[in-house]
Amino acid sequence: MGSWVFWSLMVLPMVVVLGAILLGKKREAIANDVQGNRIKKANRLAKKYLSEARRNLGDQKLFYEALERSLHNYLKAKLHIQTSEMTKERISSLLAEKKVDEETSAEFISLLRSCEFARYTPSSNVEMQQDYEKAARVLSAMDKQL
C-alpha cells in the first residue's frame, strides 16, 4: 500500500486532469485574443509574400507585386490600418507617431515608390535583388522600433 507505484498511479490521473485544464484555458485565451491573432496572421502573410518575392526575383512583375503585398501586410499588422487608408502621407505620419526614425520611414516609402515605379518601367535583376535586400533590412529595422 505504501509503494511508490501505488502513489504514482493515484496521483498521475489528477496531474493529467489538472494539466489538461490548464492547457485548455491557455488555448482558449489565445483563441480569444482577436487583436493578437490578427497581427500574427498578417505577419505570416508578410513573410510569405516576402519569400514569394524572393522566389520571383527573375520575373519583374511577379516580384514587385509580391514585394508590395508583403509591405502592405506588414503595415496592416504593425500599424493596424486597412489597405484603403494606405497613402504615403498617412504611412509617414503613422510611422512618425510610432517613433520610427526618419531614415527607416523614408526607406520604406522609397520601397513603396519603387514597387509602383517598377510596374511601368523595366528593371534589372540587380535592382530587384537590391530592393529585396532593402525590404528585408527595412522591415527588420522597423520591427525593432515598433
N, C-alpha and C. Protein backbone atom coordinates (compact mmCIF):
# COMPACT_ATOMS: atom_id res chain seq x y z
N MET A 1 0.82 -1.19 0.00
CA MET A 1 0.00 0.00 0.00
C MET A 1 0.86 1.25 0.00
N GLY A 2 2.01 1.18 0.54
CA GLY A 2 2.86 2.35 0.63
C GLY A 2 3.91 2.40 -0.46
N SER A 3 3.75 1.63 -1.50
CA SER A 3 4.77 1.61 -2.53
C SER A 3 4.68 2.84 -3.42
N TRP A 4 5.78 3.17 -4.07
CA TRP A 4 5.81 4.36 -4.94
C TRP A 4 4.97 4.16 -6.19
N VAL A 5 4.82 2.93 -6.65
CA VAL A 5 3.98 2.64 -7.82
C VAL A 5 2.52 2.96 -7.50
N PHE A 6 2.07 2.56 -6.33
CA PHE A 6 0.70 2.82 -5.91
C PHE A 6 0.42 4.32 -5.87
N TRP A 7 1.30 5.06 -5.23
CA TRP A 7 1.07 6.51 -5.10
C TRP A 7 1.22 7.22 -6.46
N SER A 8 2.10 6.74 -7.29
CA SER A 8 2.24 7.33 -8.63
C SER A 8 0.96 7.14 -9.43
N LEU A 9 0.40 5.94 -9.36
CA LEU A 9 -0.84 5.66 -10.08
C LEU A 9 -2.02 6.42 -9.49
N MET A 10 -1.97 6.77 -8.24
CA MET A 10 -3.05 7.55 -7.60
C MET A 10 -2.95 9.04 -7.99
N VAL A 11 -1.74 9.56 -8.06
CA VAL A 11 -1.53 10.98 -8.30
C VAL A 11 -1.53 11.30 -9.81
N LEU A 12 -1.08 10.39 -10.63
CA LEU A 12 -0.95 10.63 -12.07
C LEU A 12 -2.25 11.12 -12.73
N PRO A 13 -3.39 10.50 -12.50
CA PRO A 13 -4.62 10.99 -13.14
C PRO A 13 -4.97 12.44 -12.74
N MET A 14 -4.72 12.78 -11.48
CA MET A 14 -5.00 14.14 -11.03
C MET A 14 -4.08 15.15 -11.72
N VAL A 15 -2.83 14.80 -11.88
CA VAL A 15 -1.87 15.67 -12.56
C VAL A 15 -2.26 15.84 -14.03
N VAL A 16 -2.66 14.75 -14.67
CA VAL A 16 -3.06 14.80 -16.07
C VAL A 16 -4.30 15.67 -16.24
N VAL A 17 -5.29 15.51 -15.38
CA VAL A 17 -6.52 16.32 -15.46
C VAL A 17 -6.19 17.80 -15.22
N LEU A 18 -5.38 18.09 -14.23
CA LEU A 18 -5.00 19.46 -13.95
C LEU A 18 -4.25 20.08 -15.13
N GLY A 19 -3.34 19.32 -15.71
CA GLY A 19 -2.60 19.80 -16.88
C GLY A 19 -3.52 20.05 -18.06
N ALA A 20 -4.50 19.17 -18.28
CA ALA A 20 -5.45 19.34 -19.38
C ALA A 20 -6.30 20.59 -19.18
N ILE A 21 -6.71 20.85 -17.96
CA ILE A 21 -7.50 22.05 -17.66
C ILE A 21 -6.68 23.30 -17.93
N LEU A 22 -5.45 23.33 -17.44
CA LEU A 22 -4.60 24.50 -17.66
C LEU A 22 -4.31 24.72 -19.14
N LEU A 23 -4.04 23.65 -19.85
CA LEU A 23 -3.78 23.74 -21.28
C LEU A 23 -5.01 24.26 -22.03
N GLY A 24 -6.17 23.78 -21.66
CA GLY A 24 -7.42 24.23 -22.28
C GLY A 24 -7.66 25.71 -22.06
N LYS A 25 -7.39 26.18 -20.85
CA LYS A 25 -7.58 27.61 -20.55
C LYS A 25 -6.59 28.47 -21.34
N LYS A 26 -5.37 27.98 -21.48
CA LYS A 26 -4.36 28.71 -22.24
C LYS A 26 -4.76 28.80 -23.71
N ARG A 27 -5.22 27.69 -24.28
CA ARG A 27 -5.66 27.68 -25.68
C ARG A 27 -6.86 28.59 -25.88
N GLU A 28 -7.76 28.62 -24.93
CA GLU A 28 -8.94 29.48 -25.01
C GLU A 28 -8.54 30.95 -24.97
N ALA A 29 -7.58 31.29 -24.11
CA ALA A 29 -7.11 32.67 -24.02
C ALA A 29 -6.45 33.10 -25.33
N ILE A 30 -5.68 32.21 -25.94
CA ILE A 30 -5.03 32.53 -27.23
C ILE A 30 -6.09 32.69 -28.31
N ALA A 31 -7.10 31.84 -28.32
CA ALA A 31 -8.16 31.92 -29.33
C ALA A 31 -8.98 33.19 -29.18
N ASN A 32 -9.15 33.68 -27.96
CA ASN A 32 -9.95 34.89 -27.72
C ASN A 32 -9.18 36.18 -27.95
N ASP A 33 -7.88 36.09 -28.18
CA ASP A 33 -7.06 37.27 -28.43
C ASP A 33 -7.16 37.65 -29.90
N VAL A 34 -8.24 38.33 -30.26
CA VAL A 34 -8.52 38.65 -31.66
C VAL A 34 -7.43 39.54 -32.24
N GLN A 35 -7.04 40.58 -31.52
CA GLN A 35 -6.02 41.51 -32.00
C GLN A 35 -4.69 40.79 -32.22
N GLY A 36 -4.28 39.99 -31.27
CA GLY A 36 -3.02 39.25 -31.38
C GLY A 36 -3.04 38.26 -32.53
N ASN A 37 -4.18 37.59 -32.71
CA ASN A 37 -4.29 36.63 -33.81
C ASN A 37 -4.24 37.34 -35.16
N ARG A 38 -4.85 38.52 -35.24
CA ARG A 38 -4.82 39.27 -36.50
C ARG A 38 -3.39 39.71 -36.82
N ILE A 39 -2.66 40.13 -35.82
CA ILE A 39 -1.26 40.55 -36.02
C ILE A 39 -0.42 39.35 -36.45
N LYS A 40 -0.60 38.20 -35.80
CA LYS A 40 0.16 37.01 -36.16
C LYS A 40 -0.13 36.59 -37.60
N LYS A 41 -1.41 36.64 -37.98
CA LYS A 41 -1.78 36.26 -39.34
C LYS A 41 -1.17 37.22 -40.36
N ALA A 42 -1.22 38.50 -40.08
CA ALA A 42 -0.65 39.49 -41.00
C ALA A 42 0.87 39.32 -41.10
N ASN A 43 1.53 39.04 -39.98
CA ASN A 43 2.98 38.81 -40.01
C ASN A 43 3.32 37.59 -40.85
N ARG A 44 2.53 36.52 -40.70
CA ARG A 44 2.76 35.32 -41.51
C ARG A 44 2.58 35.63 -42.99
N LEU A 45 1.55 36.42 -43.32
CA LEU A 45 1.33 36.78 -44.72
C LEU A 45 2.48 37.62 -45.26
N ALA A 46 2.96 38.56 -44.46
CA ALA A 46 4.08 39.41 -44.90
C ALA A 46 5.31 38.55 -45.18
N LYS A 47 5.61 37.62 -44.29
CA LYS A 47 6.76 36.73 -44.50
C LYS A 47 6.56 35.85 -45.73
N LYS A 48 5.32 35.38 -45.91
CA LYS A 48 5.02 34.53 -47.05
C LYS A 48 5.24 35.30 -48.35
N TYR A 49 4.74 36.53 -48.42
CA TYR A 49 4.88 37.31 -49.64
C TYR A 49 6.33 37.72 -49.87
N LEU A 50 7.06 37.99 -48.79
CA LEU A 50 8.47 38.34 -48.94
C LEU A 50 9.25 37.14 -49.49
N SER A 51 8.94 35.96 -49.01
CA SER A 51 9.62 34.78 -49.55
C SER A 51 9.15 34.50 -50.97
N GLU A 52 7.89 34.81 -51.27
CA GLU A 52 7.40 34.68 -52.65
C GLU A 52 8.13 35.65 -53.56
N ALA A 53 8.38 36.86 -53.08
CA ALA A 53 9.13 37.84 -53.86
C ALA A 53 10.53 37.30 -54.15
N ARG A 54 11.13 36.68 -53.16
CA ARG A 54 12.48 36.13 -53.36
C ARG A 54 12.50 35.05 -54.44
N ARG A 55 11.46 34.21 -54.42
CA ARG A 55 11.36 33.15 -55.44
C ARG A 55 11.18 33.73 -56.84
N ASN A 56 10.55 34.90 -56.93
CA ASN A 56 10.26 35.51 -58.23
C ASN A 56 11.28 36.58 -58.61
N LEU A 57 12.49 36.49 -58.12
CA LEU A 57 13.49 37.52 -58.39
C LEU A 57 13.76 37.74 -59.88
N GLY A 58 13.58 36.76 -60.72
CA GLY A 58 13.84 36.93 -62.14
C GLY A 58 12.69 37.57 -62.89
N ASP A 59 11.47 37.45 -62.37
CA ASP A 59 10.27 37.96 -63.04
C ASP A 59 9.86 39.28 -62.39
N GLN A 60 10.08 40.37 -63.10
CA GLN A 60 9.88 41.70 -62.53
C GLN A 60 8.45 41.92 -62.02
N LYS A 61 7.45 41.60 -62.83
CA LYS A 61 6.06 41.86 -62.45
C LYS A 61 5.68 41.09 -61.18
N LEU A 62 5.93 39.80 -61.17
CA LEU A 62 5.58 38.97 -60.01
C LEU A 62 6.38 39.38 -58.77
N PHE A 63 7.64 39.71 -58.97
CA PHE A 63 8.49 40.10 -57.84
C PHE A 63 7.94 41.35 -57.16
N TYR A 64 7.67 42.38 -57.94
CA TYR A 64 7.23 43.64 -57.33
C TYR A 64 5.81 43.56 -56.78
N GLU A 65 4.96 42.73 -57.37
CA GLU A 65 3.62 42.53 -56.80
C GLU A 65 3.73 41.85 -55.43
N ALA A 66 4.55 40.82 -55.35
CA ALA A 66 4.73 40.11 -54.08
C ALA A 66 5.39 41.00 -53.04
N LEU A 67 6.36 41.79 -53.46
CA LEU A 67 7.04 42.70 -52.53
C LEU A 67 6.07 43.74 -51.99
N GLU A 68 5.25 44.29 -52.87
CA GLU A 68 4.28 45.30 -52.43
C GLU A 68 3.25 44.69 -51.49
N ARG A 69 2.77 43.48 -51.78
CA ARG A 69 1.84 42.80 -50.88
C ARG A 69 2.48 42.57 -49.51
N SER A 70 3.74 42.21 -49.53
CA SER A 70 4.46 41.99 -48.28
C SER A 70 4.52 43.27 -47.45
N LEU A 71 4.86 44.37 -48.09
CA LEU A 71 4.95 45.65 -47.38
C LEU A 71 3.59 46.07 -46.83
N HIS A 72 2.55 45.90 -47.64
CA HIS A 72 1.20 46.27 -47.19
C HIS A 72 0.74 45.41 -46.02
N ASN A 73 1.00 44.11 -46.09
CA ASN A 73 0.61 43.24 -44.98
C ASN A 73 1.38 43.56 -43.71
N TYR A 74 2.63 43.93 -43.87
CA TYR A 74 3.42 44.31 -42.70
C TYR A 74 2.81 45.55 -42.04
N LEU A 75 2.43 46.54 -42.86
CA LEU A 75 1.81 47.75 -42.32
C LEU A 75 0.48 47.44 -41.65
N LYS A 76 -0.30 46.57 -42.27
CA LYS A 76 -1.58 46.19 -41.67
C LYS A 76 -1.38 45.61 -40.29
N ALA A 77 -0.35 44.78 -40.16
CA ALA A 77 -0.10 44.12 -38.88
C ALA A 77 0.42 45.09 -37.83
N LYS A 78 1.37 45.92 -38.20
CA LYS A 78 2.03 46.76 -37.21
C LYS A 78 1.31 48.06 -36.91
N LEU A 79 0.66 48.65 -37.91
CA LEU A 79 0.03 49.96 -37.72
C LEU A 79 -1.48 49.86 -37.60
N HIS A 80 -2.03 48.66 -37.80
CA HIS A 80 -3.46 48.43 -37.67
C HIS A 80 -4.26 49.34 -38.61
N ILE A 81 -3.88 49.37 -39.86
CA ILE A 81 -4.62 50.16 -40.85
C ILE A 81 -5.06 49.25 -41.99
N GLN A 82 -6.06 49.70 -42.70
CA GLN A 82 -6.58 48.94 -43.83
C GLN A 82 -5.91 49.41 -45.11
N THR A 83 -6.01 48.62 -46.14
CA THR A 83 -5.39 48.94 -47.42
C THR A 83 -5.92 50.26 -47.98
N SER A 84 -7.19 50.53 -47.77
CA SER A 84 -7.78 51.76 -48.30
C SER A 84 -7.20 53.01 -47.65
N GLU A 85 -6.62 52.88 -46.46
CA GLU A 85 -6.04 54.02 -45.74
C GLU A 85 -4.56 54.21 -46.05
N MET A 86 -4.01 53.40 -46.91
CA MET A 86 -2.56 53.41 -47.13
C MET A 86 -2.14 54.42 -48.19
N THR A 87 -1.99 55.65 -47.77
CA THR A 87 -1.36 56.64 -48.62
C THR A 87 0.03 56.88 -48.04
N LYS A 88 0.92 57.36 -48.86
CA LYS A 88 2.30 57.56 -48.38
C LYS A 88 2.34 58.59 -47.26
N GLU A 89 1.50 59.61 -47.34
CA GLU A 89 1.46 60.64 -46.30
C GLU A 89 0.96 60.04 -44.98
N ARG A 90 -0.10 59.24 -45.06
CA ARG A 90 -0.66 58.61 -43.86
C ARG A 90 0.36 57.64 -43.24
N ILE A 91 1.02 56.87 -44.08
CA ILE A 91 2.03 55.94 -43.59
C ILE A 91 3.15 56.70 -42.89
N SER A 92 3.62 57.77 -43.51
CA SER A 92 4.70 58.58 -42.91
C SER A 92 4.28 59.13 -41.56
N SER A 93 3.06 59.65 -41.47
CA SER A 93 2.62 60.23 -40.20
C SER A 93 2.45 59.16 -39.12
N LEU A 94 1.93 57.99 -39.51
CA LEU A 94 1.78 56.91 -38.52
C LEU A 94 3.13 56.40 -38.04
N LEU A 95 4.08 56.29 -38.96
CA LEU A 95 5.42 55.85 -38.55
C LEU A 95 6.08 56.88 -37.64
N ALA A 96 5.84 58.16 -37.92
CA ALA A 96 6.38 59.21 -37.04
C ALA A 96 5.74 59.14 -35.66
N GLU A 97 4.43 58.89 -35.62
CA GLU A 97 3.73 58.75 -34.33
C GLU A 97 4.28 57.58 -33.53
N LYS A 98 4.64 56.52 -34.22
CA LYS A 98 5.17 55.31 -33.55
C LYS A 98 6.66 55.45 -33.25
N LYS A 99 7.23 56.61 -33.56
CA LYS A 99 8.62 56.93 -33.26
C LYS A 99 9.62 56.06 -34.05
N VAL A 100 9.27 55.78 -35.29
CA VAL A 100 10.20 55.11 -36.20
C VAL A 100 11.10 56.20 -36.76
N ASP A 101 12.42 55.97 -36.77
CA ASP A 101 13.31 57.04 -37.22
C ASP A 101 13.04 57.40 -38.68
N GLU A 102 13.35 58.64 -39.01
CA GLU A 102 13.00 59.19 -40.33
C GLU A 102 13.69 58.44 -41.47
N GLU A 103 14.90 58.00 -41.26
CA GLU A 103 15.63 57.29 -42.31
C GLU A 103 14.92 55.99 -42.68
N THR A 104 14.51 55.23 -41.68
CA THR A 104 13.81 53.97 -41.92
C THR A 104 12.47 54.23 -42.59
N SER A 105 11.77 55.24 -42.12
CA SER A 105 10.49 55.61 -42.71
C SER A 105 10.65 56.01 -44.17
N ALA A 106 11.66 56.81 -44.45
CA ALA A 106 11.92 57.25 -45.83
C ALA A 106 12.28 56.06 -46.72
N GLU A 107 13.05 55.12 -46.19
CA GLU A 107 13.40 53.93 -46.98
C GLU A 107 12.16 53.09 -47.28
N PHE A 108 11.26 53.00 -46.31
CA PHE A 108 10.03 52.23 -46.51
C PHE A 108 9.18 52.88 -47.61
N ILE A 109 9.01 54.19 -47.55
CA ILE A 109 8.26 54.91 -48.58
C ILE A 109 8.96 54.76 -49.93
N SER A 110 10.28 54.79 -49.92
CA SER A 110 11.05 54.61 -51.15
C SER A 110 10.79 53.24 -51.75
N LEU A 111 10.69 52.22 -50.92
CA LEU A 111 10.38 50.88 -51.41
C LEU A 111 9.00 50.82 -52.05
N LEU A 112 8.03 51.48 -51.42
CA LEU A 112 6.69 51.50 -52.00
C LEU A 112 6.70 52.20 -53.36
N ARG A 113 7.43 53.29 -53.44
CA ARG A 113 7.54 54.01 -54.72
C ARG A 113 8.23 53.13 -55.77
N SER A 114 9.25 52.43 -55.34
CA SER A 114 9.99 51.55 -56.25
C SER A 114 9.06 50.47 -56.79
N CYS A 115 8.19 49.92 -55.95
CA CYS A 115 7.25 48.90 -56.40
C CYS A 115 6.27 49.48 -57.43
N GLU A 116 5.79 50.67 -57.16
CA GLU A 116 4.87 51.32 -58.09
C GLU A 116 5.58 51.67 -59.41
N PHE A 117 6.79 52.18 -59.30
CA PHE A 117 7.55 52.60 -60.47
C PHE A 117 7.90 51.40 -61.35
N ALA A 118 8.18 50.28 -60.73
CA ALA A 118 8.62 49.09 -61.46
C ALA A 118 7.50 48.49 -62.31
N ARG A 119 6.25 48.84 -62.02
CA ARG A 119 5.15 48.35 -62.84
C ARG A 119 5.22 48.88 -64.26
N TYR A 120 5.76 50.08 -64.41
CA TYR A 120 5.71 50.77 -65.70
C TYR A 120 7.07 50.86 -66.41
N THR A 121 8.12 50.52 -65.72
CA THR A 121 9.44 50.60 -66.33
C THR A 121 10.20 49.30 -66.12
N PRO A 122 11.03 48.94 -67.04
CA PRO A 122 11.82 47.72 -66.87
C PRO A 122 12.91 47.93 -65.81
N SER A 123 13.26 46.85 -65.13
CA SER A 123 14.36 46.93 -64.16
C SER A 123 15.19 45.66 -64.29
N SER A 124 16.39 45.74 -63.81
CA SER A 124 17.31 44.61 -63.93
C SER A 124 17.21 43.70 -62.70
N ASN A 125 17.81 42.55 -62.82
CA ASN A 125 17.84 41.62 -61.69
C ASN A 125 18.62 42.20 -60.52
N VAL A 126 19.62 43.01 -60.82
CA VAL A 126 20.41 43.63 -59.77
C VAL A 126 19.54 44.57 -58.95
N GLU A 127 18.70 45.37 -59.64
CA GLU A 127 17.80 46.29 -58.93
C GLU A 127 16.80 45.52 -58.08
N MET A 128 16.28 44.42 -58.62
CA MET A 128 15.33 43.61 -57.86
C MET A 128 16.00 43.02 -56.62
N GLN A 129 17.22 42.54 -56.78
CA GLN A 129 17.95 41.99 -55.63
C GLN A 129 18.19 43.07 -54.59
N GLN A 130 18.55 44.26 -55.03
CA GLN A 130 18.78 45.38 -54.10
C GLN A 130 17.49 45.75 -53.39
N ASP A 131 16.37 45.78 -54.12
CA ASP A 131 15.09 46.10 -53.48
C ASP A 131 14.69 45.03 -52.48
N TYR A 132 14.95 43.77 -52.80
CA TYR A 132 14.64 42.69 -51.87
C TYR A 132 15.46 42.83 -50.58
N GLU A 133 16.76 43.04 -50.74
CA GLU A 133 17.63 43.20 -49.57
C GLU A 133 17.24 44.42 -48.76
N LYS A 134 16.89 45.50 -49.44
CA LYS A 134 16.46 46.72 -48.75
C LYS A 134 15.16 46.46 -47.99
N ALA A 135 14.24 45.72 -48.59
CA ALA A 135 12.97 45.40 -47.92
C ALA A 135 13.22 44.58 -46.66
N ALA A 136 14.06 43.58 -46.77
CA ALA A 136 14.36 42.75 -45.60
C ALA A 136 15.01 43.58 -44.50
N ARG A 137 15.94 44.47 -44.88
CA ARG A 137 16.63 45.32 -43.90
C ARG A 137 15.66 46.32 -43.25
N VAL A 138 14.80 46.95 -44.06
CA VAL A 138 13.88 47.95 -43.55
C VAL A 138 12.83 47.31 -42.64
N LEU A 139 12.29 46.17 -43.05
CA LEU A 139 11.29 45.50 -42.20
C LEU A 139 11.90 45.06 -40.88
N SER A 140 13.13 44.61 -40.91
CA SER A 140 13.82 44.22 -39.69
C SER A 140 14.03 45.44 -38.77
N ALA A 141 14.47 46.55 -39.36
CA ALA A 141 14.69 47.77 -38.57
C ALA A 141 13.38 48.29 -37.99
N MET A 142 12.31 48.25 -38.78
CA MET A 142 11.03 48.72 -38.29
C MET A 142 10.50 47.81 -37.20
N ASP A 143 10.74 46.53 -37.35
CA ASP A 143 10.28 45.58 -36.33
C ASP A 143 10.93 45.88 -34.98
N LYS A 144 12.19 46.24 -35.00
CA LYS A 144 12.90 46.57 -33.75
C LYS A 144 12.37 47.86 -33.13
N GLN A 145 11.94 48.80 -33.98
CA GLN A 145 11.49 50.11 -33.48
C GLN A 145 10.01 50.09 -33.08
N LEU A 146 9.24 49.20 -33.67
CA LEU A 146 7.82 49.13 -33.31
C LEU A 146 7.68 48.14 -32.20
